[in-house]
Amino acid sequence: DEKHLDIDGIVCANDDMAIAALQELNHRNIKVPDQIALIGYDNSVDSYICSPALTTISQPLDELAEKGFNMLMDILSGKNVSNYVIPCELVYRESCGCSSLASYAHSLLDNTIDIKRATHDFLDRNSHYITNIDRLKLEYFIYELFHYAAFNAFANTFMDEFLNSFQSLLGKPSTTIETVINLEKLFRNLNSELSAIPSYKKGIKMFVEIMSHIHYALLNWMTHYFNKQQLKDQTDILVITQIIRDIPSNIHSLSQQLQAIIEKLMFIGIDSFVIYTYEDEIIYNSHDIWEMPDYLLLQAGYINNIPIEVTDSSKRCKPENLFDTAFFADKPSHSIFMHSISFGNEQLGVILFSLEPSNYYLVNTLVVELGCSIKLCNMFSSQKSIQDQLKELSETDELTRLLNRRGFFDLASQRYELSRIRKKEGILFFADMDGLKRINDTYGHHEGDVAIIAMANILKKVFSSQDIIGRMGGDEFTILCLDRSYEYITHVKELIAKYTLEYNREVNKPYKLSITLGAYHFPCDTQDSLDTIISKSDKVLYLEKEKRPKQR
């Protein structure tokens, strides 16, 4: 203000600075662009709604993001990268004082400049608004408007055909909301420039009608679009709600839980989705330095709506190989999102997915539910593991690691009832070690425990994994063998005699290890309970003991 500098123009680093400068210049009654030119950078929304509209620079953001992402992946992979320059586009508007349609007004009236040139110039200056649309049709339509503004008459006298040509611009299936919004901005700029032509004011009533038709067509398209979008959003929310409801029903299995979730994601526009979890939950607070684990576990997913087959070889994945998937097979430039999965301050894993940016609002809800789902499964798995350990402790004989009395009856009862339903025969062995009391009295209880463990190991060698072996307490053992014929009794006695003889020779104890068996064979049509056949085998054992009383 004090130096009164003679400045022709101001170029700002961004649009916000330029708009602030515009406000200050207006406050000082310095006219833009008549007295000074002003240029911004970024092509923000505010740049074209301010007055005068701001000349600015448009950056190719999609190309910048893609190139930046590829460079980042190269850096993470240990590759060398170099600087890369991406050209930007100068967007001509009013604030720089550059030529606009107003500067053509008198030349147009004199017919010294071709109207087609004015059309081309306008479209070139506003090319950033022409996306996903037929430029030739648009050029024809704007040419008619230029002609009307210059000569107060249409080159094509068929008004309906003229307006139908605009409707056809919106009728393509490929038309997006971005296309329509850009068209609205384009015609706003066009109306501003055409209003500078003197002949425009003569036919303003007709022109208002034309622009009303254009505005109505754009509004009608947007209304139809948002109605469809609202219906889709409601459907998507219902899917997410169903996912939330299904979570408690599958907490017993993480793989089933995730499979149930991803099957529903295909219905809400997520055409590719892969989930990885960490081997262990990672506690992470905002002030911590994040350290990526060496491996992640591929849990489930699908790519282009085709499920991924998770194998042992593909399960473990290094972090630098997360993006080495079929995501990039046929679409090298499409967007892939990556999002962490957490529960409170526990980091549980990451997801990779591909979807339309307009559906991204669903992701935050989805990630929260995934975090809850994985945490619930982990908690259930941990609790089940503890319960299994407690159950094993309560049903396992501490000395021999065989089933104890409770464990034997729990398992044997289930198997025996199933065998009776299937009408299978079997054998119940009741066994009693010989001379255990004498071993305890003579050599101590520690040596008695050694003898019990040795006999338990012999029984494990004799009977198969399908047979149920239990230690009833002291020197007594019970074995249930299902689907076995009577001849199996002789086979078992021979093996026990063989293994006890080998043991006695190898260890050379001052006592001889031996056991007496009572075996009861029950037929396939038996109606006896488990307690009954145990009692019958015990009686057989008693008779066997009576035959050799001296070995007691």
Protein backbone atom coordinates (compact mmCIF):
# COMPACT_ATOMS: atom_id res chain seq x y z
CA ASP A 1 0.00 0.00 0.00
CA GLU A 2 2.77 2.45 0.85
CA LYS A 3 5.21 1.60 -1.95
CA HIS A 4 2.60 1.77 -4.72
CA LEU A 5 4.40 -0.94 -6.66
CA ASP A 6 3.62 -1.15 -10.35
CA ILE A 7 2.52 -4.81 -10.56
CA ASP A 8 1.06 -6.36 -13.70
CA GLY A 9 0.10 -9.68 -12.18
CA ILE A 10 0.26 -11.99 -9.16
CA VAL A 11 0.87 -15.75 -9.39
CA CYS A 12 0.00 -17.59 -6.18
CA ALA A 13 1.16 -20.99 -4.91
CA ASN A 14 -2.42 -22.20 -4.48
CA ASP A 15 -6.00 -21.12 -5.06
CA ASP A 16 -6.63 -20.23 -1.41
CA MET A 17 -3.82 -17.65 -1.52
CA ALA A 18 -5.12 -16.29 -4.82
CA ILE A 19 -8.69 -15.93 -3.50
CA ALA A 20 -7.36 -14.17 -0.38
CA ALA A 21 -5.38 -11.82 -2.66
CA LEU A 22 -8.53 -11.21 -4.73
CA GLN A 23 -10.43 -10.19 -1.60
CA GLU A 24 -7.66 -7.79 -0.56
CA LEU A 25 -7.47 -6.27 -4.05
CA ASN A 26 -11.25 -5.75 -4.09
CA HIS A 27 -11.00 -4.11 -0.66
CA ARG A 28 -8.51 -1.61 -2.15
CA ASN A 29 -10.68 -1.04 -5.23
CA ILE A 30 -8.08 -2.62 -7.50
CA LYS A 31 -9.96 -4.29 -10.34
CA VAL A 32 -9.10 -7.85 -11.43
CA PRO A 33 -8.28 -8.39 -14.27
CA ASP A 34 -8.60 -4.78 -15.57
CA GLN A 35 -5.81 -3.36 -13.40
CA ILE A 36 -3.96 -6.51 -12.34
CA ALA A 37 -3.94 -10.15 -13.42
CA LEU A 38 -4.27 -12.93 -10.84
CA ILE A 39 -3.49 -16.66 -11.17
CA GLY A 40 -3.90 -19.46 -8.64
CA TYR A 41 -2.89 -23.13 -8.51
CA ASP A 42 -4.86 -26.36 -7.82
CA ASN A 43 -8.11 -25.74 -9.76
CA SER A 44 -10.13 -26.00 -6.54
CA VAL A 45 -13.90 -25.73 -6.34
CA ASP A 46 -13.65 -22.15 -5.03
CA SER A 47 -11.56 -21.10 -8.02
CA TYR A 48 -14.46 -21.20 -10.44
CA ILE A 49 -17.23 -19.96 -8.15
CA CYS A 50 -15.43 -16.79 -7.06
CA SER A 51 -15.93 -13.59 -9.00
CA PRO A 52 -14.15 -13.05 -11.27
CA ALA A 53 -13.50 -16.77 -11.91
CA LEU A 54 -9.89 -17.60 -11.13
CA THR A 55 -7.41 -18.64 -13.78
CA THR A 56 -5.48 -21.51 -12.26
CA ILE A 57 -3.42 -24.67 -12.85
CA SER A 58 -5.05 -28.10 -12.96
CA GLN A 59 -2.96 -31.04 -11.78
CA PRO A 60 -3.52 -34.60 -13.09
CA LEU A 61 -4.17 -35.95 -9.58
CA ASP A 62 -4.96 -39.51 -10.64
CA GLU A 63 -1.72 -39.76 -12.60
CA LEU A 64 0.21 -38.17 -9.72
CA ALA A 65 -1.25 -40.64 -7.21
CA GLU A 66 -0.60 -43.63 -9.44
CA LYS A 67 2.97 -42.60 -10.19
CA GLY A 68 3.65 -41.78 -6.53
CA PHE A 69 2.26 -45.13 -5.41
CA ASN A 70 4.35 -47.04 -7.95
CA MET A 71 7.47 -45.15 -6.85
CA LEU A 72 6.70 -45.93 -3.20
CA MET A 73 6.34 -49.65 -3.98
CA ASP A 74 9.65 -49.53 -5.89
CA ILE A 75 11.33 -47.93 -2.86
CA LEU A 76 9.86 -50.57 -0.51
CA SER A 77 11.10 -53.27 -2.89
CA GLY A 78 14.63 -51.82 -2.80
CA LYS A 79 14.59 -50.45 -6.35
CA ASN A 80 16.17 -47.16 -7.41
CA VAL A 81 13.77 -44.37 -8.36
CA SER A 82 14.33 -41.08 -10.16
CA ASN A 83 12.45 -37.80 -10.33
CA TYR A 84 9.48 -37.70 -12.65
CA VAL A 85 7.78 -34.60 -14.07
CA ILE A 86 4.08 -34.69 -14.92
CA PRO A 87 2.81 -31.77 -17.04
CA CYS A 88 -0.06 -29.69 -15.64
CA GLU A 89 -2.75 -27.77 -17.55
CA LEU A 90 -3.37 -24.02 -17.50
CA VAL A 91 -7.08 -23.36 -16.96
CA TYR A 92 -8.06 -20.00 -18.53
CA ARG A 93 -10.78 -18.05 -16.75
CA GLU A 94 -11.47 -14.37 -16.09
CA SER A 95 -8.88 -13.29 -13.50
CA CYS A 96 -5.89 -13.25 -15.88
CA GLY A 97 -7.56 -11.04 -18.49
CA CYS A 98 -6.96 -13.64 -21.16
CA SER A 99 -9.19 -13.69 -24.22
CA SER A 100 -12.71 -14.95 -23.69
CA LEU A 101 -15.79 -14.97 -25.79
CA ALA A 102 -16.43 -11.35 -24.85
CA SER A 103 -13.33 -10.32 -26.79
CA TYR A 104 -14.80 -12.01 -29.83
CA ALA A 105 -18.15 -10.21 -29.56
CA HIS A 106 -17.64 -7.46 -32.12
CA SER A 107 -15.61 -9.66 -34.44
CA LEU A 108 -18.39 -12.21 -34.39
CA LEU A 109 -20.92 -9.56 -35.28
CA ASP A 110 -18.69 -8.46 -38.12
CA ASN A 111 -18.39 -12.14 -39.09
CA THR A 112 -14.62 -11.69 -39.36
CA ILE A 113 -13.88 -14.57 -37.01
CA ASP A 114 -15.49 -17.95 -37.61
CA ILE A 115 -17.89 -19.08 -34.90
CA LYS A 116 -16.32 -22.54 -34.97
CA ARG A 117 -13.08 -20.99 -33.78
CA ALA A 118 -14.88 -19.41 -30.82
CA THR A 119 -16.42 -22.80 -30.04
CA HIS A 120 -13.03 -24.51 -30.19
CA ASP A 121 -11.42 -21.83 -28.02
CA PHE A 122 -14.11 -22.09 -25.37
CA LEU A 123 -13.94 -25.89 -25.21
CA ASP A 124 -10.14 -25.82 -25.08
CA ARG A 125 -10.22 -23.39 -22.16
CA ASN A 126 -12.72 -25.61 -20.36
CA SER A 127 -11.39 -28.99 -21.47
CA HIS A 128 -11.03 -30.13 -17.85
CA TYR A 129 -14.83 -30.17 -17.64
CA ILE A 130 -15.22 -32.44 -20.68
CA THR A 131 -14.96 -35.92 -19.18
CA ASN A 132 -16.52 -39.13 -20.40
CA ILE A 133 -18.69 -37.35 -22.98
CA ASP A 134 -18.95 -37.09 -26.75
CA ARG A 135 -17.04 -33.90 -27.59
CA LEU A 136 -18.37 -33.71 -31.15
CA LYS A 137 -21.98 -33.61 -29.95
CA LEU A 138 -21.09 -31.11 -27.27
CA GLU A 139 -19.26 -28.96 -29.82
CA TYR A 140 -22.31 -28.94 -32.10
CA PHE A 141 -24.56 -27.92 -29.22
CA ILE A 142 -22.30 -25.06 -28.04
CA TYR A 143 -21.79 -23.91 -31.63
CA GLU A 144 -25.57 -23.38 -31.86
CA LEU A 145 -25.51 -21.34 -28.66
CA PHE A 146 -22.62 -19.21 -29.96
CA HIS A 147 -24.50 -18.61 -33.17
CA TYR A 148 -27.64 -17.60 -31.27
CA ALA A 149 -25.70 -15.22 -29.01
CA ALA A 150 -23.95 -13.57 -31.97
CA PHE A 151 -26.88 -13.28 -34.37
CA ASN A 152 -29.97 -13.78 -32.17
CA ALA A 153 -30.95 -16.77 -34.28
CA PHE A 154 -30.19 -20.47 -34.38
CA ALA A 155 -28.30 -21.94 -37.33
CA ASN A 156 -30.57 -24.93 -37.00
CA THR A 157 -34.17 -23.70 -36.85
CA PHE A 158 -35.47 -26.94 -35.32
CA MET A 159 -35.45 -26.06 -31.62
CA ASP A 160 -36.67 -29.51 -30.46
CA GLU A 161 -33.91 -31.27 -32.38
CA PHE A 162 -31.42 -28.88 -30.84
CA LEU A 163 -32.54 -29.66 -27.29
CA ASN A 164 -32.78 -33.39 -28.05
CA SER A 165 -29.12 -33.30 -29.01
CA PHE A 166 -28.34 -32.17 -25.47
CA GLN A 167 -30.52 -34.93 -24.00
CA SER A 168 -28.53 -37.45 -26.01
CA LEU A 169 -25.37 -36.25 -24.26
CA LEU A 170 -26.83 -37.47 -20.96
CA GLY A 171 -28.40 -40.66 -22.26
CA LYS A 172 -25.32 -42.85 -22.43
CA PRO A 173 -24.91 -45.64 -19.82
CA SER A 174 -21.34 -44.46 -19.26
CA THR A 175 -22.49 -41.03 -18.05
CA THR A 176 -21.44 -40.51 -14.42
CA ILE A 177 -22.33 -37.99 -11.76
CA GLU A 178 -18.91 -36.41 -12.33
CA THR A 179 -19.79 -35.90 -16.00
CA VAL A 180 -23.05 -34.15 -15.18
CA ILE A 181 -21.51 -31.93 -12.50
CA ASN A 182 -18.78 -30.90 -14.93
CA LEU A 183 -21.38 -30.11 -17.59
CA GLU A 184 -23.21 -27.89 -15.11
CA LYS A 185 -19.96 -26.00 -14.44
CA LEU A 186 -19.24 -25.79 -18.16
CA PHE A 187 -22.61 -24.20 -18.94
CA ARG A 188 -22.26 -21.83 -16.02
CA ASN A 189 -19.02 -20.55 -17.58
CA LEU A 190 -20.65 -20.46 -21.01
CA ASN A 191 -23.58 -18.40 -19.75
CA SER A 192 -21.13 -15.96 -18.14
CA GLU A 193 -19.21 -15.47 -21.38
CA LEU A 194 -22.24 -15.31 -23.67
CA SER A 195 -23.85 -12.63 -21.51
CA ALA A 196 -20.99 -10.31 -22.53
CA ILE A 197 -22.17 -10.30 -26.17
CA PRO A 198 -24.50 -7.32 -26.88
CA SER A 199 -26.89 -9.30 -29.11
CA TYR A 200 -27.42 -11.80 -26.32
CA LYS A 201 -29.54 -9.27 -24.42
CA LYS A 202 -31.93 -8.89 -27.37
CA GLY A 203 -33.01 -12.53 -27.16
CA ILE A 204 -32.58 -13.00 -23.44
CA LYS A 205 -36.09 -14.44 -23.01
CA MET A 206 -35.36 -17.23 -25.49
CA PHE A 207 -31.94 -17.79 -24.01
CA VAL A 208 -33.33 -18.07 -20.49
CA GLU A 209 -35.72 -20.72 -21.81
CA ILE A 210 -32.85 -22.63 -23.39
CA MET A 211 -30.74 -22.53 -20.24
CA SER A 212 -33.77 -23.58 -18.21
CA HIS A 213 -34.15 -26.66 -20.41
CA ILE A 214 -30.46 -27.43 -19.91
CA HIS A 215 -30.69 -26.92 -16.17
CA TYR A 216 -33.85 -29.06 -15.96
CA ALA A 217 -32.20 -31.88 -17.94
CA LEU A 218 -29.16 -31.83 -15.64
CA LEU A 219 -31.32 -31.65 -12.51
CA ASN A 220 -33.55 -34.49 -13.72
CA TRP A 221 -30.53 -36.68 -14.38
CA MET A 222 -29.07 -35.91 -10.94
CA THR A 223 -32.41 -36.62 -9.22
CA HIS A 224 -32.67 -39.97 -10.98
CA TYR A 225 -29.04 -40.75 -10.13
CA PHE A 226 -29.38 -39.90 -6.43
CA ASN A 227 -32.62 -41.90 -6.16
CA LYS A 228 -30.77 -44.93 -7.53
CA GLN A 229 -27.82 -44.21 -5.27
CA GLN A 230 -30.08 -43.91 -2.23
CA LEU A 231 -31.66 -47.28 -3.03
CA LYS A 232 -28.19 -48.81 -3.47
CA ASP A 233 -27.00 -47.24 -0.21
CA GLN A 234 -29.99 -48.72 1.61
CA THR A 235 -29.21 -52.14 0.15
CA ASP A 236 -25.54 -51.82 1.12
CA ILE A 237 -26.47 -50.84 4.67
CA LEU A 238 -28.77 -53.88 4.90
CA VAL A 239 -25.85 -56.10 3.81
CA ILE A 240 -23.55 -54.55 6.44
CA THR A 241 -26.31 -55.01 9.04
CA GLN A 242 -26.61 -58.68 8.08
CA ILE A 243 -22.84 -59.08 8.43
CA ILE A 244 -23.05 -57.62 11.94
CA ARG A 245 -25.89 -60.00 12.85
CA ASP A 246 -24.01 -63.03 11.52
CA ILE A 247 -20.83 -62.38 13.51
CA PRO A 248 -21.90 -64.09 16.78
CA SER A 249 -23.00 -67.26 14.96
CA ASN A 250 -19.53 -68.04 13.57
CA ILE A 251 -17.14 -67.02 16.36
CA HIS A 252 -16.04 -70.63 16.81
CA SER A 253 -14.10 -70.50 13.53
CA LEU A 254 -12.19 -67.52 12.08
CA SER A 255 -12.11 -69.00 8.58
CA GLN A 256 -15.88 -69.63 8.58
CA GLN A 257 -16.46 -66.18 10.05
CA LEU A 258 -14.46 -64.41 7.35
CA GLN A 259 -15.91 -66.57 4.58
CA ALA A 260 -19.43 -65.63 5.65
CA ILE A 261 -18.48 -61.95 5.61
CA ILE A 262 -16.72 -61.80 2.23
CA GLU A 263 -19.52 -63.66 0.47
CA LYS A 264 -21.77 -60.69 1.25
CA LEU A 265 -19.22 -58.03 0.25
CA MET A 266 -19.58 -58.94 -3.43
CA PHE A 267 -23.12 -57.54 -3.30
CA ILE A 268 -22.04 -54.02 -2.29
CA GLY A 269 -19.64 -53.24 -5.12
CA ILE A 270 -16.41 -54.59 -3.58
CA ASP A 271 -15.23 -56.72 -6.49
CA SER A 272 -11.85 -57.61 -4.92
CA PHE A 273 -11.13 -58.15 -1.24
CA VAL A 274 -8.23 -59.87 0.55
CA ILE A 275 -7.71 -60.08 4.30
CA TYR A 276 -4.44 -60.73 6.11
CA THR A 277 -3.99 -61.14 9.86
CA TYR A 278 -0.89 -60.91 12.01
CA GLU A 279 0.38 -64.10 13.61
CA ASP A 280 0.00 -62.40 17.00
CA GLU A 281 -1.98 -59.35 18.02
CA ILE A 282 0.23 -56.23 18.14
CA ILE A 283 -0.30 -53.60 20.83
CA TYR A 284 0.17 -50.19 19.19
CA ASN A 285 -0.35 -46.72 20.63
CA SER A 286 -0.26 -43.48 18.66
CA HIS A 287 3.13 -42.45 20.09
CA ASP A 288 4.76 -45.80 19.22
CA ILE A 289 6.98 -46.38 16.20
CA TRP A 290 5.27 -48.96 14.01
CA GLU A 291 7.28 -52.05 13.15
CA MET A 292 5.77 -54.36 10.54
CA PRO A 293 5.97 -58.06 11.49
CA ASP A 294 8.04 -60.39 9.32
CA TYR A 295 4.98 -62.25 8.04
CA LEU A 296 1.25 -61.89 7.69
CA LEU A 297 -1.26 -64.71 7.29
CA LEU A 298 -3.56 -64.77 4.26
CA GLN A 299 -6.96 -65.73 5.67
CA ALA A 300 -9.49 -65.38 2.85
CA GLY A 301 -10.59 -63.25 -0.07
CA TYR A 302 -11.62 -62.99 -3.67
CA ILE A 303 -10.31 -61.12 -6.72
CA ASN A 304 -12.66 -59.94 -9.45
CA ASN A 305 -15.40 -61.90 -7.63
CA ILE A 306 -13.41 -65.16 -7.87
CA PRO A 307 -12.55 -66.73 -4.46
CA ILE A 308 -8.89 -67.17 -3.54
CA GLU A 309 -7.74 -70.67 -2.68
CA VAL A 310 -5.67 -70.42 0.48
CA THR A 311 -3.04 -73.17 0.72
CA ASP A 312 -0.26 -73.86 3.21
CA SER A 313 2.28 -72.47 0.74
CA SER A 314 0.34 -69.24 0.14
CA LYS A 315 -0.75 -68.72 3.75
CA ARG A 316 2.36 -66.86 4.95
CA CYS A 317 3.17 -63.63 3.14
CA LYS A 318 5.95 -61.08 3.60
CA PRO A 319 4.75 -57.45 3.90
CA GLU A 320 6.64 -56.38 0.77
CA ASN A 321 4.74 -59.00 -1.24
CA LEU A 322 1.25 -57.92 -0.19
CA PHE A 323 0.56 -56.28 -3.53
CA ASP A 324 2.01 -59.10 -5.63
CA THR A 325 -1.47 -60.47 -6.30
CA ALA A 326 -3.86 -60.77 -9.21
CA PHE A 327 -5.14 -57.33 -8.23
CA PHE A 328 -2.83 -55.94 -10.89
CA ALA A 329 -3.33 -58.64 -13.50
CA ASP A 330 -5.56 -56.84 -15.98
CA LYS A 331 -6.06 -53.40 -14.44
CA PRO A 332 -2.66 -51.78 -13.98
CA SER A 333 -4.09 -48.33 -13.20
CA HIS A 334 -7.16 -49.00 -11.08
CA SER A 335 -7.34 -48.06 -7.40
CA ILE A 336 -6.48 -50.49 -4.60
CA PHE A 337 -7.24 -49.46 -1.03
CA MET A 338 -5.37 -50.75 1.99
CA HIS A 339 -6.79 -50.42 5.50
CA SER A 340 -5.62 -51.64 8.89
CA ILE A 341 -7.83 -53.83 11.07
CA SER A 342 -7.75 -53.11 14.77
CA PHE A 343 -9.61 -53.56 18.02
CA GLY A 344 -8.85 -50.75 20.42
CA ASN A 345 -5.06 -50.46 20.51
CA GLU A 346 -4.58 -54.01 19.19
CA GLN A 347 -3.52 -54.23 15.54
CA LEU A 348 -4.96 -57.44 14.07
CA GLY A 349 -4.14 -57.27 10.34
CA VAL A 350 -4.84 -55.45 7.06
CA ILE A 351 -7.29 -55.65 4.16
CA LEU A 352 -6.78 -54.89 0.49
CA PHE A 353 -9.85 -54.12 -1.57
CA SER A 354 -11.07 -52.53 -4.76
CA LEU A 355 -14.30 -50.56 -4.98
CA GLU A 356 -15.86 -47.43 -6.41
CA PRO A 357 -14.73 -44.34 -4.42
CA SER A 358 -18.40 -43.41 -3.92
CA ASN A 359 -18.81 -46.57 -1.79
CA TYR A 360 -15.84 -45.84 0.45
CA TYR A 361 -18.13 -44.64 3.25
CA LEU A 362 -18.95 -48.33 3.87
CA VAL A 363 -15.34 -49.20 4.65
CA ASN A 364 -15.10 -47.62 8.12
CA THR A 365 -18.11 -49.61 9.32
CA LEU A 366 -16.79 -52.76 7.65
CA VAL A 367 -13.33 -52.41 9.20
CA VAL A 368 -14.81 -51.93 12.69
CA GLU A 369 -16.92 -55.08 12.27
CA LEU A 370 -13.96 -57.05 10.93
CA GLY A 371 -11.91 -56.00 13.95
CA CYS A 372 -14.70 -57.11 16.30
CA SER A 373 -15.12 -60.35 14.36
CA ILE A 374 -11.44 -61.31 14.46
CA LYS A 375 -11.11 -60.31 18.12
CA LEU A 376 -14.16 -62.37 19.07
CA CYS A 377 -12.81 -65.40 17.20
CA ASN A 378 -9.41 -65.01 18.85
CA MET A 379 -11.01 -64.70 22.28
CA PHE A 380 -13.24 -67.69 21.65
CA SER A 381 -10.30 -69.72 20.35
CA SER A 382 -8.19 -68.75 23.37
CA GLN A 383 -11.05 -69.52 25.77
CA LYS A 384 -11.77 -72.82 24.01
CA SER A 385 -8.08 -73.71 24.20
CA ILE A 386 -8.10 -73.05 27.95
CA GLN A 387 -11.32 -75.05 28.34
CA ASP A 388 -9.83 -77.91 26.34
CA GLN A 389 -6.73 -77.86 28.53
CA LEU A 390 -8.85 -77.84 31.68
CA LYS A 391 -11.01 -80.65 30.31
CA GLU A 392 -7.90 -82.65 29.45
CA LEU A 393 -6.49 -82.10 32.95
CA SER A 394 -9.77 -83.15 34.55
CA GLU A 395 -10.05 -86.29 32.41
CA THR A 396 -6.39 -87.37 32.23
CA ASP A 397 -4.48 -89.51 34.70
CA GLU A 398 -1.52 -87.39 35.76
CA LEU A 399 0.86 -90.35 36.19
CA THR A 400 0.27 -92.35 32.99
CA ARG A 401 -1.34 -89.68 30.74
CA LEU A 402 -4.12 -92.20 30.05
CA LEU A 403 -7.75 -91.30 30.57
CA ASN A 404 -8.73 -91.29 34.24
CA ARG A 405 -11.95 -92.85 35.48
CA ARG A 406 -14.06 -89.80 34.59
CA GLY A 407 -12.44 -89.37 31.17
CA PHE A 408 -12.87 -93.05 30.34
CA PHE A 409 -16.58 -93.10 31.20
CA ASP A 410 -17.28 -89.84 29.31
CA LEU A 411 -15.69 -91.06 26.08
CA ALA A 412 -16.51 -94.77 26.36
CA SER A 413 -20.21 -94.06 27.04
CA GLN A 414 -20.56 -92.05 23.82
CA ARG A 415 -18.67 -94.57 21.70
CA TYR A 416 -20.44 -97.58 23.20
CA GLU A 417 -23.93 -96.15 22.60
CA LEU A 418 -23.02 -95.34 19.01
CA SER A 419 -21.69 -98.86 18.56
CA ARG A 420 -24.94 -100.37 19.89
CA ILE A 421 -26.99 -98.24 17.46
CA ARG A 422 -24.80 -99.43 14.59
CA LYS A 423 -25.05 -103.01 15.95
CA LYS A 424 -21.32 -103.62 16.29
CA GLU A 425 -19.75 -106.24 18.51
CA GLY A 426 -16.80 -105.51 20.79
CA ILE A 427 -14.72 -106.40 23.85
CA LEU A 428 -14.32 -104.83 27.28
CA PHE A 429 -11.01 -105.66 29.03
CA PHE A 430 -10.64 -105.20 32.77
CA ALA A 431 -6.96 -105.48 33.78
CA ASP A 432 -5.23 -105.67 37.12
CA MET A 433 -1.46 -105.44 37.68
CA ASP A 434 0.02 -108.35 39.60
CA GLY A 435 1.95 -107.69 42.80
CA LEU A 436 1.76 -103.85 42.84
CA LYS A 437 1.19 -103.79 46.63
CA ARG A 438 4.30 -105.90 47.18
CA ILE A 439 6.37 -103.56 44.96
CA ASN A 440 5.17 -100.51 46.92
CA ASP A 441 5.81 -102.15 50.28
CA THR A 442 9.23 -103.53 49.35
CA TYR A 443 10.73 -100.92 47.04
CA GLY A 444 8.67 -97.82 47.79
CA HIS A 445 5.83 -95.99 46.08
CA HIS A 446 8.20 -94.32 43.63
CA GLU A 447 9.12 -97.73 42.25
CA GLY A 448 5.43 -98.62 42.26
CA ASP A 449 4.79 -95.56 40.05
CA VAL A 450 7.56 -96.70 37.70
CA ALA A 451 5.85 -100.09 37.37
CA ILE A 452 2.43 -98.47 36.69
CA ILE A 453 3.91 -96.21 33.98
CA ALA A 454 5.67 -99.18 32.38
CA MET A 455 2.45 -101.20 32.29
CA ALA A 456 0.55 -98.19 30.84
CA ASN A 457 3.14 -97.90 28.06
CA ILE A 458 2.79 -101.62 27.27
CA LEU A 459 -0.99 -101.22 27.00
CA LYS A 460 -0.51 -98.24 24.63
CA LYS A 461 1.68 -100.45 22.41
CA VAL A 462 -0.77 -103.36 22.44
CA PHE A 463 -3.99 -101.47 21.73
CA SER A 464 -4.69 -99.23 18.74
CA SER A 465 -5.53 -95.52 18.76
CA GLN A 466 -9.20 -96.45 18.16
CA ASP A 467 -9.34 -98.40 21.43
CA ILE A 468 -10.18 -96.47 24.63
CA ILE A 469 -7.74 -97.07 27.50
CA GLY A 470 -8.34 -95.75 31.00
CA ARG A 471 -6.72 -96.10 34.41
CA MET A 472 -9.46 -96.66 36.97
CA GLY A 473 -7.09 -96.02 39.87
CA GLY A 474 -4.34 -97.89 41.67
CA ASP A 475 -3.45 -101.01 39.68
CA GLU A 476 -6.66 -101.26 37.59
CA PHE A 477 -7.03 -100.49 33.87
CA THR A 478 -10.07 -100.69 31.59
CA ILE A 479 -9.99 -100.93 27.80
CA LEU A 480 -13.00 -100.70 25.45
CA CYS A 481 -12.43 -102.15 21.98
CA LEU A 482 -15.27 -101.63 19.51
CA ASP A 483 -15.89 -103.57 16.33
CA ARG A 484 -13.63 -106.41 17.55
CA SER A 485 -14.37 -110.14 17.37
CA TYR A 486 -13.83 -112.69 20.14
CA GLU A 487 -10.51 -113.80 18.58
CA TYR A 488 -9.04 -110.39 19.42
CA ILE A 489 -8.81 -111.45 23.08
CA THR A 490 -6.19 -114.11 22.35
CA HIS A 491 -4.23 -111.64 20.17
CA VAL A 492 -4.14 -109.07 23.00
CA LYS A 493 -3.01 -111.61 25.62
CA GLU A 494 -0.17 -112.77 23.36
CA LEU A 495 1.05 -109.23 22.77
CA ILE A 496 0.93 -108.31 26.46
CA ALA A 497 2.89 -111.44 27.35
CA LYS A 498 5.46 -110.59 24.66
CA TYR A 499 5.97 -106.94 25.69
CA THR A 500 6.08 -107.63 29.44
CA LEU A 501 8.70 -110.33 28.86
CA GLU A 502 10.79 -107.91 26.77
CA TYR A 503 10.47 -105.23 29.46
CA ASN A 504 11.49 -107.53 32.28
CA ARG A 505 14.57 -108.68 30.34
CA GLU A 506 15.65 -105.15 29.36
CA VAL A 507 15.23 -103.30 32.68
CA ASN A 508 16.23 -106.21 34.95
CA LYS A 509 14.20 -105.02 37.92
CA PRO A 510 14.16 -107.02 41.19
CA TYR A 511 10.49 -107.75 40.49
CA LYS A 512 8.64 -109.07 37.46
CA LEU A 513 6.03 -106.91 35.74
CA SER A 514 2.80 -108.78 34.89
CA ILE A 515 -0.93 -108.17 34.54
CA THR A 516 -4.10 -110.25 34.64
CA LEU A 517 -6.86 -109.64 32.08
CA GLY A 518 -10.56 -110.17 32.33
CA ALA A 519 -12.24 -109.87 28.93
CA TYR A 520 -15.94 -109.85 28.08
CA HIS A 521 -17.05 -110.08 24.45
CA PHE A 522 -20.44 -108.43 23.81
CA PRO A 523 -22.44 -109.37 20.70
CA CYS A 524 -23.76 -106.92 18.10
CA ASP A 525 -27.32 -107.16 19.46
CA THR A 526 -26.40 -106.57 23.11
CA GLN A 527 -28.80 -104.61 25.30
CA ASP A 528 -26.34 -104.28 28.19
CA SER A 529 -25.23 -100.90 29.48
CA LEU A 530 -21.58 -99.95 29.74
CA ASP A 531 -21.63 -100.45 33.51
CA THR A 532 -23.05 -103.95 32.98
CA ILE A 533 -20.32 -105.10 30.58
CA ILE A 534 -17.65 -103.61 32.86
CA SER A 535 -19.14 -105.62 35.75
CA LYS A 536 -19.14 -108.77 33.61
CA SER A 537 -15.51 -108.30 32.57
CA ASP A 538 -14.59 -107.66 36.23
CA LYS A 539 -16.09 -111.04 37.14
CA VAL A 540 -14.00 -112.68 34.41
CA LEU A 541 -10.94 -110.93 35.87
CA TYR A 542 -11.77 -112.31 39.31
CA LEU A 543 -11.92 -115.85 37.91
CA GLU A 544 -8.57 -115.33 36.17
CA LYS A 545 -7.03 -114.13 39.42
CA GLU A 546 -8.38 -117.15 41.24
CA LYS A 547 -6.43 -119.36 38.87
CA ARG A 548 -3.13 -117.89 40.08
CA PRO A 549 -3.59 -116.59 43.63
CA LYS A 550 0.12 -116.68 44.41
CA GLN A 551 0.77 -113.81 41.97
CA ARG A 552 -1.38 -111.44 44.02
